[in-house]
Structure formats: structure tokens, C-alpha cells
Amino acid sequence: MDPLLNRISADPNVCFGKPCIRGTRIWVSLLLDFLASGSSIEEILAEYPQLTRDDILAAIAYGAEMSRERFVDLPGKSAA
């Protein structure tokens, strides 16, 4: 397991159990959305100064791990 994932927590009593950066209420999905829309790590850190670069990398690592477990229906032809 990627040690960065230790920076992620999912507590049913915090943010409805959504995965967050440990010690914050900042959702992993929010950070991934920012990155997907073109925000840089530096821009996110400027907006959320309580985060570190490793927190952003942890969000990416979490997203990568989740993509191994779940599949999302995408439009278009399948690779098969």
C-alpha cells in the first residue's frame, strides 16, 4: 500500500464518511476535481494553505487505488 494513503481518512462522523485529507474536512474528490479541471498543485495549495504537496499526492494515490477497484461506465466503444 502506498504510504501516502495514511494521509487519507474516512470517518462516518466526518463529512458523511467521504474520504478526506486526514485532520481536515477537505474531500479527496474535491481535490481530484480541481486537478481534473486543470488546477495546478500550486494553485490548490494557495487556496488551501493547510494542505501540503503530499496531501495532494495522497489524493491522487487514492484515486489511482480506487480506479483499480471500481469501473465507471464511459461513453464510446470498449477496448475489448
PDB file of N, CA and C in Angstrom:
ATOM      1  N   MET A   1       0.847  -1.184   0.000  1.00  0.00           N
ATOM      2  CA  MET A   1       0.000   0.000   0.000  1.00  0.00           C
ATOM      3  C   MET A   1       0.887   1.240   0.000  1.00  0.00           C
ATOM      4  N   ASP A   2       0.469   2.235  -0.731  1.00  0.00           N
ATOM      5  CA  ASP A   2       1.204   3.489  -0.827  1.00  0.00           C
ATOM      6  C   ASP A   2       1.161   4.204   0.528  1.00  0.00           C
ATOM      7  N   PRO A   3       2.320   4.557   1.095  1.00  0.00           N
ATOM      8  CA  PRO A   3       2.327   5.240   2.401  1.00  0.00           C
ATOM      9  C   PRO A   3       1.597   6.583   2.382  1.00  0.00           C
ATOM     10  N   LEU A   4       1.458   7.193   1.215  1.00  0.00           N
ATOM     11  CA  LEU A   4       0.703   8.442   1.135  1.00  0.00           C
ATOM     12  C   LEU A   4      -0.748   8.253   1.566  1.00  0.00           C
ATOM     13  N   LEU A   5      -1.263   7.039   1.411  1.00  0.00           N
ATOM     14  CA  LEU A   5      -2.663   6.795   1.763  1.00  0.00           C
ATOM     15  C   LEU A   5      -2.922   6.965   3.255  1.00  0.00           C
ATOM     16  N   ASN A   6      -1.866   6.977   4.074  1.00  0.00           N
ATOM     17  CA  ASN A   6      -2.040   7.248   5.504  1.00  0.00           C
ATOM     18  C   ASN A   6      -2.533   8.667   5.746  1.00  0.00           C
ATOM     19  N   ARG A   7      -2.445   9.519   4.747  1.00  0.00           N
ATOM     20  CA  ARG A   7      -2.910  10.904   4.861  1.00  0.00           C
ATOM     21  C   ARG A   7      -4.409  11.030   4.614  1.00  0.00           C
ATOM     22  N   ILE A   8      -5.057   9.932   4.239  1.00  0.00           N
ATOM     23  CA  ILE A   8      -6.484   9.936   3.929  1.00  0.00           C
ATOM     24  C   ILE A   8      -7.242   9.272   5.081  1.00  0.00           C
ATOM     25  N   SER A   9      -8.366   9.871   5.455  1.00  0.00           N
ATOM     26  CA  SER A   9      -9.218   9.242   6.469  1.00  0.00           C
ATOM     27  C   SER A   9     -10.651   9.219   5.963  1.00  0.00           C
ATOM     28  N   ALA A  10     -11.400   8.258   6.446  1.00  0.00           N
ATOM     29  CA  ALA A  10     -12.829   8.155   6.139  1.00  0.00           C
ATOM     30  C   ALA A  10     -13.533   7.802   7.445  1.00  0.00           C
ATOM     31  N   ASP A  11     -14.111   8.802   8.062  1.00  0.00           N
ATOM     32  CA  ASP A  11     -14.774   8.653   9.356  1.00  0.00           C
ATOM     33  C   ASP A  11     -16.260   8.904   9.140  1.00  0.00           C
ATOM     34  N   PRO A  12     -17.116   7.952   9.513  1.00  0.00           N
ATOM     35  CA  PRO A  12     -18.550   8.145   9.282  1.00  0.00           C
ATOM     36  C   PRO A  12     -19.116   9.383   9.979  1.00  0.00           C
ATOM     37  N   ASN A  13     -18.406   9.902  10.977  1.00  0.00           N
ATOM     38  CA  ASN A  13     -18.867  11.088  11.698  1.00  0.00           C
ATOM     39  C   ASN A  13     -18.315  12.393  11.123  1.00  0.00           C
ATOM     40  N   VAL A  14     -17.505  12.301  10.069  1.00  0.00           N
ATOM     41  CA  VAL A  14     -16.919  13.489   9.439  1.00  0.00           C
ATOM     42  C   VAL A  14     -17.252  13.453   7.955  1.00  0.00           C
ATOM     43  N   CYS A  15     -17.907  14.487   7.491  1.00  0.00           N
ATOM     44  CA  CYS A  15     -18.241  14.613   6.059  1.00  0.00           C
ATOM     45  C   CYS A  15     -18.956  13.382   5.511  1.00  0.00           C
ATOM     46  N   PHE A  16     -19.853  12.834   6.333  1.00  0.00           N
ATOM     47  CA  PHE A  16     -20.676  11.697   5.898  1.00  0.00           C
ATOM     48  C   PHE A  16     -19.848  10.477   5.502  1.00  0.00           C
ATOM     49  N   GLY A  17     -18.621  10.393   6.028  1.00  0.00           N
ATOM     50  CA  GLY A  17     -17.774   9.244   5.728  1.00  0.00           C
ATOM     51  C   GLY A  17     -17.011   9.348   4.433  1.00  0.00           C
ATOM     52  N   LYS A  18     -17.121  10.485   3.746  1.00  0.00           N
ATOM     53  CA  LYS A  18     -16.363  10.649   2.499  1.00  0.00           C
ATOM     54  C   LYS A  18     -14.878  10.724   2.810  1.00  0.00           C
ATOM     55  N   PRO A  19     -14.039  10.152   1.966  1.00  0.00           N
ATOM     56  CA  PRO A  19     -12.586  10.227   2.190  1.00  0.00           C
ATOM     57  C   PRO A  19     -12.113  11.678   2.160  1.00  0.00           C
ATOM     58  N   CYS A  20     -11.383  12.050   3.205  1.00  0.00           N
ATOM     59  CA  CYS A  20     -10.859  13.406   3.369  1.00  0.00           C
ATOM     60  C   CYS A  20      -9.367  13.343   3.653  1.00  0.00           C
ATOM     61  N   ILE A  21      -8.715  14.476   3.476  1.00  0.00           N
ATOM     62  CA  ILE A  21      -7.339  14.583   3.924  1.00  0.00           C
ATOM     63  C   ILE A  21      -7.377  14.559   5.455  1.00  0.00           C
ATOM     64  N   ARG A  22      -6.603  13.675   6.046  1.00  0.00           N
ATOM     65  CA  ARG A  22      -6.622  13.468   7.495  1.00  0.00           C
ATOM     66  C   ARG A  22      -6.477  14.799   8.229  1.00  0.00           C
ATOM     67  N   GLY A  23      -7.343  14.986   9.229  1.00  0.00           N
ATOM     68  CA  GLY A  23      -7.301  16.182  10.048  1.00  0.00           C
ATOM     69  C   GLY A  23      -7.999  17.386   9.435  1.00  0.00           C
ATOM     70  N   THR A  24      -8.627  17.199   8.270  1.00  0.00           N
ATOM     71  CA  THR A  24      -9.363  18.280   7.619  1.00  0.00           C
ATOM     72  C   THR A  24     -10.740  17.767   7.221  1.00  0.00           C
ATOM     73  N   ARG A  25     -11.520  18.643   6.673  1.00  0.00           N
ATOM     74  CA  ARG A  25     -12.799  18.269   6.077  1.00  0.00           C
ATOM     75  C   ARG A  25     -12.752  18.508   4.566  1.00  0.00           C
ATOM     76  N   ILE A  26     -11.565  18.389   4.018  1.00  0.00           N
ATOM     77  CA  ILE A  26     -11.366  18.594   2.577  1.00  0.00           C
ATOM     78  C   ILE A  26     -11.445  17.236   1.893  1.00  0.00           C
ATOM     79  N   TRP A  27     -12.470  17.085   1.070  1.00  0.00           N
ATOM     80  CA  TRP A  27     -12.707  15.815   0.391  1.00  0.00           C
ATOM     81  C   TRP A  27     -11.630  15.527  -0.635  1.00  0.00           C
ATOM     82  N   VAL A  28     -11.263  14.271  -0.716  1.00  0.00           N
ATOM     83  CA  VAL A  28     -10.348  13.815  -1.758  1.00  0.00           C
ATOM     84  C   VAL A  28     -10.959  14.106  -3.128  1.00  0.00           C
ATOM     85  N   SER A  29     -12.248  13.862  -3.264  1.00  0.00           N
ATOM     86  CA  SER A  29     -12.907  14.081  -4.567  1.00  0.00           C
ATOM     87  C   SER A  29     -12.836  15.540  -4.988  1.00  0.00           C
ATOM     88  N   LEU A  30     -12.890  16.469  -4.052  1.00  0.00           N
ATOM     89  CA  LEU A  30     -12.774  17.887  -4.385  1.00  0.00           C
ATOM     90  C   LEU A  30     -11.405  18.179  -4.991  1.00  0.00           C
ATOM     91  N   LEU A  31     -10.370  17.645  -4.369  1.00  0.00           N
ATOM     92  CA  LEU A  31      -9.014  17.862  -4.879  1.00  0.00           C
ATOM     93  C   LEU A  31      -8.838  17.240  -6.256  1.00  0.00           C
ATOM     94  N   LEU A  32      -9.377  16.048  -6.445  1.00  0.00           N
ATOM     95  CA  LEU A  32      -9.290  15.399  -7.759  1.00  0.00           C
ATOM     96  C   LEU A  32     -10.068  16.181  -8.810  1.00  0.00           C
ATOM     97  N   ASP A  33     -11.215  16.734  -8.425  1.00  0.00           N
ATOM     98  CA  ASP A  33     -11.983  17.570  -9.355  1.00  0.00           C
ATOM     99  C   ASP A  33     -11.178  18.803  -9.769  1.00  0.00           C
ATOM    100  N   PHE A  34     -10.531  19.448  -8.794  1.00  0.00           N
ATOM    101  CA  PHE A  34      -9.702  20.611  -9.118  1.00  0.00           C
ATOM    102  C   PHE A  34      -8.603  20.234 -10.105  1.00  0.00           C
ATOM    103  N   LEU A  35      -7.917  19.131  -9.831  1.00  0.00           N
ATOM    104  CA  LEU A  35      -6.834  18.696 -10.716  1.00  0.00           C
ATOM    105  C   LEU A  35      -7.364  18.356 -12.101  1.00  0.00           C
ATOM    106  N   ALA A  36      -8.509  17.677 -12.151  1.00  0.00           N
ATOM    107  CA  ALA A  36      -9.097  17.281 -13.435  1.00  0.00           C
ATOM    108  C   ALA A  36      -9.528  18.496 -14.256  1.00  0.00           C
ATOM    109  N   SER A  37      -9.885  19.576 -13.573  1.00  0.00           N
ATOM    110  CA  SER A  37     -10.313  20.768 -14.299  1.00  0.00           C
ATOM    111  C   SER A  37      -9.145  21.675 -14.674  1.00  0.00           C
ATOM    112  N   GLY A  38      -7.931  21.235 -14.368  1.00  0.00           N
ATOM    113  CA  GLY A  38      -6.757  21.977 -14.815  1.00  0.00           C
ATOM    114  C   GLY A  38      -6.037  22.781 -13.745  1.00  0.00           C
ATOM    115  N   SER A  39      -6.535  22.772 -12.525  1.00  0.00           N
ATOM    116  CA  SER A  39      -5.833  23.487 -11.452  1.00  0.00           C
ATOM    117  C   SER A  39      -4.500  22.806 -11.184  1.00  0.00           C
ATOM    118  N   SER A  40      -3.493  23.604 -10.906  1.00  0.00           N
ATOM    119  CA  SER A  40      -2.183  23.042 -10.562  1.00  0.00           C
ATOM    120  C   SER A  40      -2.125  22.768  -9.059  1.00  0.00           C
ATOM    121  N   ILE A  41      -1.171  21.961  -8.678  1.00  0.00           N
ATOM    122  CA  ILE A  41      -0.961  21.702  -7.252  1.00  0.00           C
ATOM    123  C   ILE A  41      -0.698  23.018  -6.533  1.00  0.00           C
ATOM    124  N   GLU A  42       0.086  23.883  -7.129  1.00  0.00           N
ATOM    125  CA  GLU A  42       0.409  25.166  -6.511  1.00  0.00           C
ATOM    126  C   GLU A  42      -0.844  26.023  -6.310  1.00  0.00           C
ATOM    127  N   GLU A  43      -1.749  26.012  -7.279  1.00  0.00           N
ATOM    128  CA  GLU A  43      -2.996  26.781  -7.141  1.00  0.00           C
ATOM    129  C   GLU A  43      -3.854  26.237  -5.996  1.00  0.00           C
ATOM    130  N   ILE A  44      -3.924  24.927  -5.893  1.00  0.00           N
ATOM    131  CA  ILE A  44      -4.709  24.314  -4.816  1.00  0.00           C
ATOM    132  C   ILE A  44      -4.089  24.652  -3.459  1.00  0.00           C
ATOM    133  N   LEU A  45      -2.775  24.574  -3.370  1.00  0.00           N
ATOM    134  CA  LEU A  45      -2.101  24.885  -2.104  1.00  0.00           C
ATOM    135  C   LEU A  45      -2.298  26.349  -1.719  1.00  0.00           C
ATOM    136  N   ALA A  46      -2.354  27.233  -2.697  1.00  0.00           N
ATOM    137  CA  ALA A  46      -2.597  28.649  -2.405  1.00  0.00           C
ATOM    138  C   ALA A  46      -4.016  28.850  -1.867  1.00  0.00           C
ATOM    139  N   GLU A  47      -4.967  28.078  -2.387  1.00  0.00           N
ATOM    140  CA  GLU A  47      -6.366  28.185  -1.961  1.00  0.00           C
ATOM    141  C   GLU A  47      -6.607  27.495  -0.614  1.00  0.00           C
ATOM    142  N   TYR A  48      -5.853  26.454  -0.342  1.00  0.00           N
ATOM    143  CA  TYR A  48      -5.993  25.664   0.885  1.00  0.00           C
ATOM    144  C   TYR A  48      -4.634  25.559   1.576  1.00  0.00           C
ATOM    145  N   PRO A  49      -4.192  26.610   2.248  1.00  0.00           N
ATOM    146  CA  PRO A  49      -2.842  26.633   2.814  1.00  0.00           C
ATOM    147  C   PRO A  49      -2.607  25.592   3.913  1.00  0.00           C
ATOM    148  N   GLN A  50      -3.666  25.005   4.436  1.00  0.00           N
ATOM    149  CA  GLN A  50      -3.487  23.961   5.449  1.00  0.00           C
ATOM    150  C   GLN A  50      -3.032  22.633   4.836  1.00  0.00           C
ATOM    151  N   LEU A  51      -3.090  22.528   3.520  1.00  0.00           N
ATOM    152  CA  LEU A  51      -2.653  21.315   2.829  1.00  0.00           C
ATOM    153  C   LEU A  51      -1.175  21.389   2.477  1.00  0.00           C
ATOM    154  N   THR A  52      -0.599  20.220   2.250  1.00  0.00           N
ATOM    155  CA  THR A  52       0.777  20.123   1.766  1.00  0.00           C
ATOM    156  C   THR A  52       0.767  19.444   0.404  1.00  0.00           C
ATOM    157  N   ARG A  53       1.884  19.523  -0.270  1.00  0.00           N
ATOM    158  CA  ARG A  53       2.026  18.838  -1.564  1.00  0.00           C
ATOM    159  C   ARG A  53       1.741  17.343  -1.411  1.00  0.00           C
ATOM    160  N   ASP A  54       2.232  16.744  -0.327  1.00  0.00           N
ATOM    161  CA  ASP A  54       1.985  15.321  -0.104  1.00  0.00           C
ATOM    162  C   ASP A  54       0.504  15.012   0.089  1.00  0.00           C
ATOM    163  N   ASP A  55      -0.274  15.949   0.635  1.00  0.00           N
ATOM    164  CA  ASP A  55      -1.725  15.744   0.746  1.00  0.00           C
ATOM    165  C   ASP A  55      -2.354  15.635  -0.639  1.00  0.00           C
ATOM    166  N   ILE A  56      -1.928  16.479  -1.560  1.00  0.00           N
ATOM    167  CA  ILE A  56      -2.454  16.428  -2.929  1.00  0.00           C
ATOM    168  C   ILE A  56      -2.034  15.122  -3.597  1.00  0.00           C
ATOM    169  N   LEU A  57      -0.776  14.745  -3.406  1.00  0.00           N
ATOM    170  CA  LEU A  57      -0.302  13.472  -3.971  1.00  0.00           C
ATOM    171  C   LEU A  57      -1.054  12.298  -3.357  1.00  0.00           C
ATOM    172  N   ALA A  58      -1.419  12.405  -2.086  1.00  0.00           N
ATOM    173  CA  ALA A  58      -2.204  11.345  -1.438  1.00  0.00           C
ATOM    174  C   ALA A  58      -3.579  11.229  -2.087  1.00  0.00           C
ATOM    175  N   ALA A  59      -4.187  12.358  -2.424  1.00  0.00           N
ATOM    176  CA  ALA A  59      -5.488  12.333  -3.104  1.00  0.00           C
ATOM    177  C   ALA A  59      -5.368  11.634  -4.457  1.00  0.00           C
ATOM    178  N   ILE A  60      -4.302  11.923  -5.176  1.00  0.00           N
ATOM    179  CA  ILE A  60      -4.068  11.273  -6.471  1.00  0.00           C
ATOM    180  C   ILE A  60      -3.850   9.771  -6.273  1.00  0.00           C
ATOM    181  N   ALA A  61      -3.066   9.410  -5.276  1.00  0.00           N
ATOM    182  CA  ALA A  61      -2.811   7.990  -4.988  1.00  0.00           C
ATOM    183  C   ALA A  61      -4.105   7.276  -4.624  1.00  0.00           C
ATOM    184  N   TYR A  62      -4.960   7.944  -3.871  1.00  0.00           N
ATOM    185  CA  TYR A  62      -6.248   7.353  -3.500  1.00  0.00           C
ATOM    186  C   TYR A  62      -7.100   7.135  -4.749  1.00  0.00           C
ATOM    187  N   GLY A  63      -7.148   8.130  -5.609  1.00  0.00           N
ATOM    188  CA  GLY A  63      -7.894   7.988  -6.860  1.00  0.00           C
ATOM    189  C   GLY A  63      -7.374   6.838  -7.703  1.00  0.00           C
ATOM    190  N   ALA A  64      -6.057   6.696  -7.767  1.00  0.00           N
ATOM    191  CA  ALA A  64      -5.456   5.592  -8.522  1.00  0.00           C
ATOM    192  C   ALA A  64      -5.848   4.253  -7.910  1.00  0.00           C
ATOM    193  N   GLU A  65      -5.814   4.176  -6.591  1.00  0.00           N
ATOM    194  CA  GLU A  65      -6.178   2.926  -5.909  1.00  0.00           C
ATOM    195  C   GLU A  65      -7.646   2.591  -6.158  1.00  0.00           C
ATOM    196  N   MET A  66      -8.509   3.586  -6.086  1.00  0.00           N
ATOM    197  CA  MET A  66      -9.933   3.349  -6.320  1.00  0.00           C
ATOM    198  C   MET A  66     -10.199   2.902  -7.752  1.00  0.00           C
ATOM    199  N   SER A  67      -9.418   3.390  -8.701  1.00  0.00           N
ATOM    200  CA  SER A  67      -9.647   3.001 -10.092  1.00  0.00           C
ATOM    201  C   SER A  67      -9.317   1.532 -10.323  1.00  0.00           C
ATOM    202  N   ARG A  68      -8.559   0.950  -9.434  1.00  0.00           N
ATOM    203  CA  ARG A  68      -8.269  -0.488  -9.529  1.00  0.00           C
ATOM    204  C   ARG A  68      -9.446  -1.320  -9.037  1.00  0.00           C
ATOM    205  N   GLU A  69     -10.303  -0.710  -8.232  1.00  0.00           N
ATOM    206  CA  GLU A  69     -11.397  -1.442  -7.585  1.00  0.00           C
ATOM    207  C   GLU A  69     -12.752  -1.252  -8.262  1.00  0.00           C
ATOM    208  N   ARG A  70     -12.973  -0.103  -8.856  1.00  0.00           N
ATOM    209  CA  ARG A  70     -14.269   0.209  -9.433  1.00  0.00           C
ATOM    210  C   ARG A  70     -14.109   0.615 -10.883  1.00  0.00           C
ATOM    211  N   PHE A  71     -15.169   0.420 -11.614  1.00  0.00           N
ATOM    212  CA  PHE A  71     -15.168   0.828 -13.008  1.00  0.00           C
ATOM    213  C   PHE A  71     -16.290   1.825 -13.237  1.00  0.00           C
ATOM    214  N   VAL A  72     -16.052   2.791 -14.061  1.00  0.00           N
ATOM    215  CA  VAL A  72     -17.040   3.811 -14.395  1.00  0.00           C
ATOM    216  C   VAL A  72     -17.424   3.601 -15.844  1.00  0.00           C
ATOM    217  N   ASP A  73     -18.726   3.565 -16.112  1.00  0.00           N
ATOM    218  CA  ASP A  73     -19.173   3.453 -17.500  1.00  0.00           C
ATOM    219  C   ASP A  73     -18.790   4.718 -18.237  1.00  0.00           C
ATOM    220  N   LEU A  74     -18.109   4.544 -19.349  1.00  0.00           N
ATOM    221  CA  LEU A  74     -17.666   5.665 -20.163  1.00  0.00           C
ATOM    222  C   LEU A  74     -18.321   5.574 -21.535  1.00  0.00           C
ATOM    223  N   PRO A  75     -18.596   6.719 -22.156  1.00  0.00           N
ATOM    224  CA  PRO A  75     -19.196   6.665 -23.486  1.00  0.00           C
ATOM    225  C   PRO A  75     -18.194   6.157 -24.518  1.00  0.00           C
ATOM    226  N   GLY A  76     -18.703   5.603 -25.584  1.00  0.00           N
ATOM    227  CA  GLY A  76     -17.831   5.144 -26.659  1.00  0.00           C
ATOM    228  C   GLY A  76     -17.632   3.646 -26.614  1.00  0.00           C
ATOM    229  N   LYS A  77     -16.775   3.191 -27.499  1.00  0.00           N
ATOM    230  CA  LYS A  77     -16.515   1.751 -27.616  1.00  0.00           C
ATOM    231  C   LYS A  77     -15.589   1.293 -26.508  1.00  0.00           C
ATOM    232  N   SER A  78     -15.763   0.028 -26.154  1.00  0.00           N
ATOM    233  CA  SER A  78     -14.868  -0.557 -25.140  1.00  0.00           C
ATOM    234  C   SER A  78     -13.596  -1.024 -25.831  1.00  0.00           C
ATOM    235  N   ALA A  79     -12.575  -1.258 -25.058  1.00  0.00           N
ATOM    236  CA  ALA A  79     -11.290  -1.708 -25.596  1.00  0.00           C
ATOM    237  C   ALA A  79     -11.356  -3.163 -26.037  1.00  0.00           C
ATOM    238  N   ALA A  80     -12.376  -3.876 -25.597  1.00  0.00           N
ATOM    239  CA  ALA A  80     -12.484  -5.302 -25.918  1.00  0.00           C
ATOM    240  C   ALA A  80     -12.991  -5.544 -27.308  1.00  0.00           C
TER     241      ALA A  80
END
